[in-house]
Amino acid sequence: PAPFIYVNLMNFRFMTFKSKSQYKTILVSKVANSLSLQINEVAEGEKLKSTAFQFAKFNIKQPGLVHLSSALENNGYAVLQDLEYQSGSSHLGEGPFQSLVQLARYLKVNQTERIILVGHTDDVGSLLENINLSKKRATAVVDRLVKRYGIKAERLSSHGVGYLNPIARNNTKKGRELNRRVEVVLGKSE
């Protein structure tokens, strides 16, 4: 069956153990400041037993420049976690947002890097509306990097995927807020 937790495809681990005719799988996924754990057990002739836990609001420090640059260099992407969007809006709050300050510093140090900003939404509204909205959110970040931080526009591009890649459930206010985000992805260097 499908897992009882949302799995962040960019940040999950699982392990399966076998003992005679019994199997146990442990799945762990981290989404923003939530950690989800699912344990499945199955044995021949028995029904699947499954338990899911979600631990939320544990204390994670906002990523500093070192963490942002490490995420970009090690993973090729990072979530700009502190950006603020209201549901249905592409208006980026005034900030200052530490993730954009750190991203601008990273781009000034790494002059040949090009990045792609990918917008995401919650699932309120149609897919087409959300793809357009997510593109506008990513474009708002591009505009902010160009106008406020002096990053050259030709080093930046923006795309939107709507609600197709959630990192949290959309059935709660907090989950929808987490899904309204922009990620930065390293592109091809000059």
C-alpha atoms as a PDB file:
ATOM      1  CA  PRO A   1       0.000   0.000   0.000  1.00  0.00           C
ATOM      2  CA  ALA A   2       0.957   3.644  -0.310  1.00  0.00           C
ATOM      3  CA  PRO A   3       2.879   5.062   2.643  1.00  0.00           C
ATOM      4  CA  PHE A   4       0.946   6.856   5.363  1.00  0.00           C
ATOM      5  CA  ILE A   5       3.402   9.741   5.162  1.00  0.00           C
ATOM      6  CA  TYR A   6       4.473  12.088   2.419  1.00  0.00           C
ATOM      7  CA  VAL A   7       7.932  11.151   1.232  1.00  0.00           C
ATOM      8  CA  ASN A   8      10.300  13.924   0.218  1.00  0.00           C
ATOM      9  CA  LEU A   9      11.951  12.267  -2.772  1.00  0.00           C
ATOM     10  CA  MET A  10      15.029  14.443  -2.252  1.00  0.00           C
ATOM     11  CA  ASN A  11      15.478  13.499   1.409  1.00  0.00           C
ATOM     12  CA  PHE A  12      14.433  10.017   2.505  1.00  0.00           C
ATOM     13  CA  ARG A  13      15.982   6.705   3.536  1.00  0.00           C
ATOM     14  CA  PHE A  14      14.573   3.219   3.934  1.00  0.00           C
ATOM     15  CA  MET A  15      15.842  -0.120   5.085  1.00  0.00           C
ATOM     16  CA  THR A  16      14.277  -3.591   4.861  1.00  0.00           C
ATOM     17  CA  PHE A  17      15.122  -6.478   7.188  1.00  0.00           C
ATOM     18  CA  LYS A  18      14.303 -10.145   6.663  1.00  0.00           C
ATOM     19  CA  SER A  19      14.087 -12.838   9.306  1.00  0.00           C
ATOM     20  CA  LYS A  20      12.888 -16.197   8.017  1.00  0.00           C
ATOM     21  CA  SER A  21       9.480 -15.392   6.430  1.00  0.00           C
ATOM     22  CA  GLN A  22       9.061 -12.010   8.130  1.00  0.00           C
ATOM     23  CA  TYR A  23      10.004  -8.632   6.657  1.00  0.00           C
ATOM     24  CA  LYS A  24      10.245  -5.228   8.319  1.00  0.00           C
ATOM     25  CA  THR A  25      10.751  -1.957   6.403  1.00  0.00           C
ATOM     26  CA  ILE A  26      11.621   1.347   8.048  1.00  0.00           C
ATOM     27  CA  LEU A  27      11.092   4.521   6.009  1.00  0.00           C
ATOM     28  CA  VAL A  28      12.264   7.944   7.221  1.00  0.00           C
ATOM     29  CA  SER A  29      11.613  11.216   5.376  1.00  0.00           C
ATOM     30  CA  LYS A  30      12.474  14.814   6.325  1.00  0.00           C
ATOM     31  CA  VAL A  31      10.276  17.655   5.090  1.00  0.00           C
ATOM     32  CA  ALA A  32      11.172  21.154   6.291  1.00  0.00           C
ATOM     33  CA  ASN A  33      11.018  20.868  10.090  1.00  0.00           C
ATOM     34  CA  SER A  34       9.044  17.608  10.164  1.00  0.00           C
ATOM     35  CA  LEU A  35      10.452  14.125  10.361  1.00  0.00           C
ATOM     36  CA  SER A  36       8.241  11.198   9.373  1.00  0.00           C
ATOM     37  CA  LEU A  37       8.844   7.573  10.238  1.00  0.00           C
ATOM     38  CA  GLN A  38       6.921   4.581   8.927  1.00  0.00           C
ATOM     39  CA  ILE A  39       7.460   0.976   9.986  1.00  0.00           C
ATOM     40  CA  ASN A  40       5.863  -1.840   7.966  1.00  0.00           C
ATOM     41  CA  GLU A  41       5.860  -5.499   8.992  1.00  0.00           C
ATOM     42  CA  VAL A  42       4.690  -8.396   6.889  1.00  0.00           C
ATOM     43  CA  ALA A  43       4.879 -12.137   7.320  1.00  0.00           C
ATOM     44  CA  GLU A  44       3.676 -14.993   5.189  1.00  0.00           C
ATOM     45  CA  GLY A  45      -0.004 -15.647   5.867  1.00  0.00           C
ATOM     46  CA  GLU A  46      -0.473 -12.469   7.957  1.00  0.00           C
ATOM     47  CA  LYS A  47      -1.897  -9.039   7.151  1.00  0.00           C
ATOM     48  CA  LEU A  48       0.441  -6.106   6.687  1.00  0.00           C
ATOM     49  CA  LYS A  49       1.041  -4.219   9.926  1.00  0.00           C
ATOM     50  CA  SER A  50       1.973  -0.575   9.522  1.00  0.00           C
ATOM     51  CA  THR A  51       2.723   2.211  11.976  1.00  0.00           C
ATOM     52  CA  ALA A  52       3.441   5.820  11.035  1.00  0.00           C
ATOM     53  CA  PHE A  53       4.778   8.605  13.216  1.00  0.00           C
ATOM     54  CA  GLN A  54       5.336  12.254  12.432  1.00  0.00           C
ATOM     55  CA  PHE A  55       7.534  14.452  14.565  1.00  0.00           C
ATOM     56  CA  ALA A  56       7.019  18.137  13.806  1.00  0.00           C
ATOM     57  CA  LYS A  57       8.429  21.430  14.967  1.00  0.00           C
ATOM     58  CA  PHE A  58      11.757  20.127  16.150  1.00  0.00           C
ATOM     59  CA  ASN A  59      14.409  22.818  16.233  1.00  0.00           C
ATOM     60  CA  ILE A  60      16.332  23.114  12.985  1.00  0.00           C
ATOM     61  CA  LYS A  61      18.549  26.117  12.556  1.00  0.00           C
ATOM     62  CA  GLN A  62      17.923  28.146   9.417  1.00  0.00           C
ATOM     63  CA  PRO A  63      20.613  27.232   6.918  1.00  0.00           C
ATOM     64  CA  GLY A  64      23.534  29.632   6.968  1.00  0.00           C
ATOM     65  CA  LEU A  65      25.673  30.497   3.981  1.00  0.00           C
ATOM     66  CA  VAL A  66      27.828  27.454   4.652  1.00  0.00           C
ATOM     67  CA  HIS A  67      24.755  25.206   4.704  1.00  0.00           C
ATOM     68  CA  LEU A  68      23.204  26.797   1.608  1.00  0.00           C
ATOM     69  CA  SER A  69      26.406  26.518  -0.388  1.00  0.00           C
ATOM     70  CA  SER A  70      26.970  22.981   0.925  1.00  0.00           C
ATOM     71  CA  ALA A  71      23.448  21.989  -0.085  1.00  0.00           C
ATOM     72  CA  LEU A  72      23.959  23.455  -3.546  1.00  0.00           C
ATOM     73  CA  GLU A  73      27.366  21.848  -4.036  1.00  0.00           C
ATOM     74  CA  ASN A  74      26.492  18.465  -2.489  1.00  0.00           C
ATOM     75  CA  ASN A  75      22.877  18.075  -3.624  1.00  0.00           C
ATOM     76  CA  GLY A  76      22.627  20.511  -6.530  1.00  0.00           C
ATOM     77  CA  TYR A  77      19.593  22.234  -4.984  1.00  0.00           C
ATOM     78  CA  ALA A  78      18.319  23.958  -1.835  1.00  0.00           C
ATOM     79  CA  VAL A  79      14.919  25.107  -0.570  1.00  0.00           C
ATOM     80  CA  LEU A  80      14.636  28.826   0.111  1.00  0.00           C
ATOM     81  CA  GLN A  81      12.791  28.109   3.350  1.00  0.00           C
ATOM     82  CA  ASP A  82      11.981  31.562   4.647  1.00  0.00           C
ATOM     83  CA  LEU A  83      10.170  33.095   1.652  1.00  0.00           C
ATOM     84  CA  GLU A  84       6.591  34.189   2.315  1.00  0.00           C
ATOM     85  CA  TYR A  85       3.680  33.765  -0.101  1.00  0.00           C
ATOM     86  CA  GLN A  86      -0.025  33.856   0.645  1.00  0.00           C
ATOM     87  CA  SER A  87      -2.251  31.213  -0.917  1.00  0.00           C
ATOM     88  CA  GLY A  88      -3.019  32.203  -4.517  1.00  0.00           C
ATOM     89  CA  SER A  89      -0.461  35.025  -4.595  1.00  0.00           C
ATOM     90  CA  SER A  90       2.904  35.473  -6.313  1.00  0.00           C
ATOM     91  CA  HIS A  91       3.733  38.569  -4.264  1.00  0.00           C
ATOM     92  CA  LEU A  92       6.994  38.001  -2.412  1.00  0.00           C
ATOM     93  CA  GLY A  93       7.012  39.677   1.011  1.00  0.00           C
ATOM     94  CA  GLU A  94       9.444  42.525   1.671  1.00  0.00           C
ATOM     95  CA  GLY A  95      11.907  40.483   3.690  1.00  0.00           C
ATOM     96  CA  PRO A  96      14.797  40.675   4.058  1.00  0.00           C
ATOM     97  CA  PHE A  97      14.908  36.928   3.622  1.00  0.00           C
ATOM     98  CA  GLN A  98      18.119  35.324   4.856  1.00  0.00           C
ATOM     99  CA  SER A  99      17.952  32.635   2.174  1.00  0.00           C
ATOM    100  CA  LEU A 100      18.073  35.304  -0.568  1.00  0.00           C
ATOM    101  CA  VAL A 101      20.897  37.182   1.167  1.00  0.00           C
ATOM    102  CA  GLN A 102      22.863  33.934   1.368  1.00  0.00           C
ATOM    103  CA  LEU A 103      22.027  32.955  -2.210  1.00  0.00           C
ATOM    104  CA  ALA A 104      23.156  36.354  -3.482  1.00  0.00           C
ATOM    105  CA  ARG A 105      26.450  35.963  -1.585  1.00  0.00           C
ATOM    106  CA  TYR A 106      26.904  32.482  -3.041  1.00  0.00           C
ATOM    107  CA  LEU A 107      26.330  33.792  -6.576  1.00  0.00           C
ATOM    108  CA  LYS A 108      28.746  36.692  -6.058  1.00  0.00           C
ATOM    109  CA  VAL A 109      31.463  34.297  -4.859  1.00  0.00           C
ATOM    110  CA  ASN A 110      30.728  31.754  -7.627  1.00  0.00           C
ATOM    111  CA  GLN A 111      30.603  34.059 -10.640  1.00  0.00           C
ATOM    112  CA  THR A 112      30.265  31.273 -13.236  1.00  0.00           C
ATOM    113  CA  GLU A 113      27.304  29.528 -11.614  1.00  0.00           C
ATOM    114  CA  ARG A 114      23.874  29.692 -13.211  1.00  0.00           C
ATOM    115  CA  ILE A 115      20.781  28.795 -11.248  1.00  0.00           C
ATOM    116  CA  ILE A 116      17.214  27.762 -11.920  1.00  0.00           C
ATOM    117  CA  LEU A 117      14.527  28.887  -9.484  1.00  0.00           C
ATOM    118  CA  VAL A 118      11.627  26.436  -9.333  1.00  0.00           C
ATOM    119  CA  GLY A 119       8.321  27.580  -7.860  1.00  0.00           C
ATOM    120  CA  HIS A 120       5.865  25.327  -6.029  1.00  0.00           C
ATOM    121  CA  THR A 121       2.321  25.839  -4.737  1.00  0.00           C
ATOM    122  CA  ASP A 122      -0.227  24.256  -2.463  1.00  0.00           C
ATOM    123  CA  ASP A 123      -3.087  22.335  -4.120  1.00  0.00           C
ATOM    124  CA  VAL A 124      -5.765  25.045  -3.933  1.00  0.00           C
ATOM    125  CA  GLY A 125      -7.055  25.640  -7.483  1.00  0.00           C
ATOM    126  CA  SER A 126      -6.481  23.919 -10.815  1.00  0.00           C
ATOM    127  CA  LEU A 127      -3.178  22.456 -11.962  1.00  0.00           C
ATOM    128  CA  LEU A 128      -2.790  24.977 -14.814  1.00  0.00           C
ATOM    129  CA  GLU A 129      -3.469  27.931 -12.486  1.00  0.00           C
ATOM    130  CA  ASN A 130      -0.944  26.563  -9.996  1.00  0.00           C
ATOM    131  CA  ILE A 131       1.744  25.985 -12.626  1.00  0.00           C
ATOM    132  CA  ASN A 132       1.346  29.605 -13.756  1.00  0.00           C
ATOM    133  CA  LEU A 133       1.372  30.824 -10.150  1.00  0.00           C
ATOM    134  CA  SER A 134       4.467  28.814  -9.265  1.00  0.00           C
ATOM    135  CA  LYS A 135       6.281  30.230 -12.302  1.00  0.00           C
ATOM    136  CA  LYS A 136       5.346  33.758 -11.170  1.00  0.00           C
ATOM    137  CA  ARG A 137       6.681  32.999  -7.669  1.00  0.00           C
ATOM    138  CA  ALA A 138      10.003  31.856  -9.074  1.00  0.00           C
ATOM    139  CA  THR A 139      10.105  34.925 -11.343  1.00  0.00           C
ATOM    140  CA  ALA A 140       9.500  37.155  -8.284  1.00  0.00           C
ATOM    141  CA  VAL A 141      12.644  35.671  -6.717  1.00  0.00           C
ATOM    142  CA  VAL A 142      14.614  36.282  -9.932  1.00  0.00           C
ATOM    143  CA  ASP A 143      13.431  39.904  -9.943  1.00  0.00           C
ATOM    144  CA  ARG A 144      14.450  40.342  -6.300  1.00  0.00           C
ATOM    145  CA  LEU A 145      17.926  38.895  -6.915  1.00  0.00           C
ATOM    146  CA  VAL A 146      18.434  41.185  -9.914  1.00  0.00           C
ATOM    147  CA  LYS A 147      16.989  44.407  -8.472  1.00  0.00           C
ATOM    148  CA  ARG A 148      18.036  44.226  -4.838  1.00  0.00           C
ATOM    149  CA  TYR A 149      21.253  42.193  -5.007  1.00  0.00           C
ATOM    150  CA  GLY A 150      22.621  43.051  -8.446  1.00  0.00           C
ATOM    151  CA  ILE A 151      22.797  39.496  -9.796  1.00  0.00           C
ATOM    152  CA  LYS A 152      22.910  39.387 -13.618  1.00  0.00           C
ATOM    153  CA  ALA A 153      19.583  38.234 -15.054  1.00  0.00           C
ATOM    154  CA  GLU A 154      21.248  35.990 -17.665  1.00  0.00           C
ATOM    155  CA  ARG A 155      22.551  33.771 -14.833  1.00  0.00           C
ATOM    156  CA  LEU A 156      19.011  33.114 -13.574  1.00  0.00           C
ATOM    157  CA  SER A 157      15.993  31.309 -14.966  1.00  0.00           C
ATOM    158  CA  SER A 158      12.598  30.481 -13.481  1.00  0.00           C
ATOM    159  CA  HIS A 159      10.173  27.592 -13.838  1.00  0.00           C
ATOM    160  CA  GLY A 160       7.030  26.417 -12.087  1.00  0.00           C
ATOM    161  CA  VAL A 161       5.658  22.967 -11.328  1.00  0.00           C
ATOM    162  CA  GLY A 162       2.508  23.892  -9.401  1.00  0.00           C
ATOM    163  CA  TYR A 163       1.467  21.372  -6.760  1.00  0.00           C
ATOM    164  CA  LEU A 164       3.083  18.354  -8.449  1.00  0.00           C
ATOM    165  CA  ASN A 165       5.958  18.039  -5.944  1.00  0.00           C
ATOM    166  CA  PRO A 166       4.631  18.670  -2.413  1.00  0.00           C
ATOM    167  CA  ILE A 167       6.921  18.394   0.590  1.00  0.00           C
ATOM    168  CA  ALA A 168       4.038  18.292   3.082  1.00  0.00           C
ATOM    169  CA  ARG A 169       0.372  17.347   3.167  1.00  0.00           C
ATOM    170  CA  ASN A 170      -1.973  19.920   1.679  1.00  0.00           C
ATOM    171  CA  ASN A 171      -4.781  19.087   4.111  1.00  0.00           C
ATOM    172  CA  THR A 172      -3.412  21.388   6.847  1.00  0.00           C
ATOM    173  CA  LYS A 173      -2.650  25.114   6.888  1.00  0.00           C
ATOM    174  CA  LYS A 174       0.989  24.447   7.879  1.00  0.00           C
ATOM    175  CA  GLY A 175       1.380  21.865   5.105  1.00  0.00           C
ATOM    176  CA  ARG A 176       0.056  24.294   2.500  1.00  0.00           C
ATOM    177  CA  GLU A 177       2.453  26.986   3.773  1.00  0.00           C
ATOM    178  CA  LEU A 178       5.411  24.592   3.433  1.00  0.00           C
ATOM    179  CA  ASN A 179       4.376  23.683  -0.108  1.00  0.00           C
ATOM    180  CA  ARG A 180       4.312  27.359  -1.175  1.00  0.00           C
ATOM    181  CA  ARG A 181       8.039  27.581  -1.759  1.00  0.00           C
ATOM    182  CA  VAL A 182      10.821  28.241  -4.227  1.00  0.00           C
ATOM    183  CA  GLU A 183      13.811  25.949  -4.662  1.00  0.00           C
ATOM    184  CA  VAL A 184      17.123  26.901  -6.189  1.00  0.00           C
ATOM    185  CA  VAL A 185      18.762  24.360  -8.511  1.00  0.00           C
ATOM    186  CA  LEU A 186      22.254  24.641  -9.932  1.00  0.00           C
ATOM    187  CA  GLY A 187      22.279  24.915 -13.708  1.00  0.00           C
ATOM    188  CA  LYS A 188      25.152  24.540 -16.130  1.00  0.00           C
ATOM    189  CA  SER A 189      28.138  26.732 -15.328  1.00  0.00           C
ATOM    190  CA  GLU A 190      29.408  29.197 -17.907  1.00  0.00           C
END
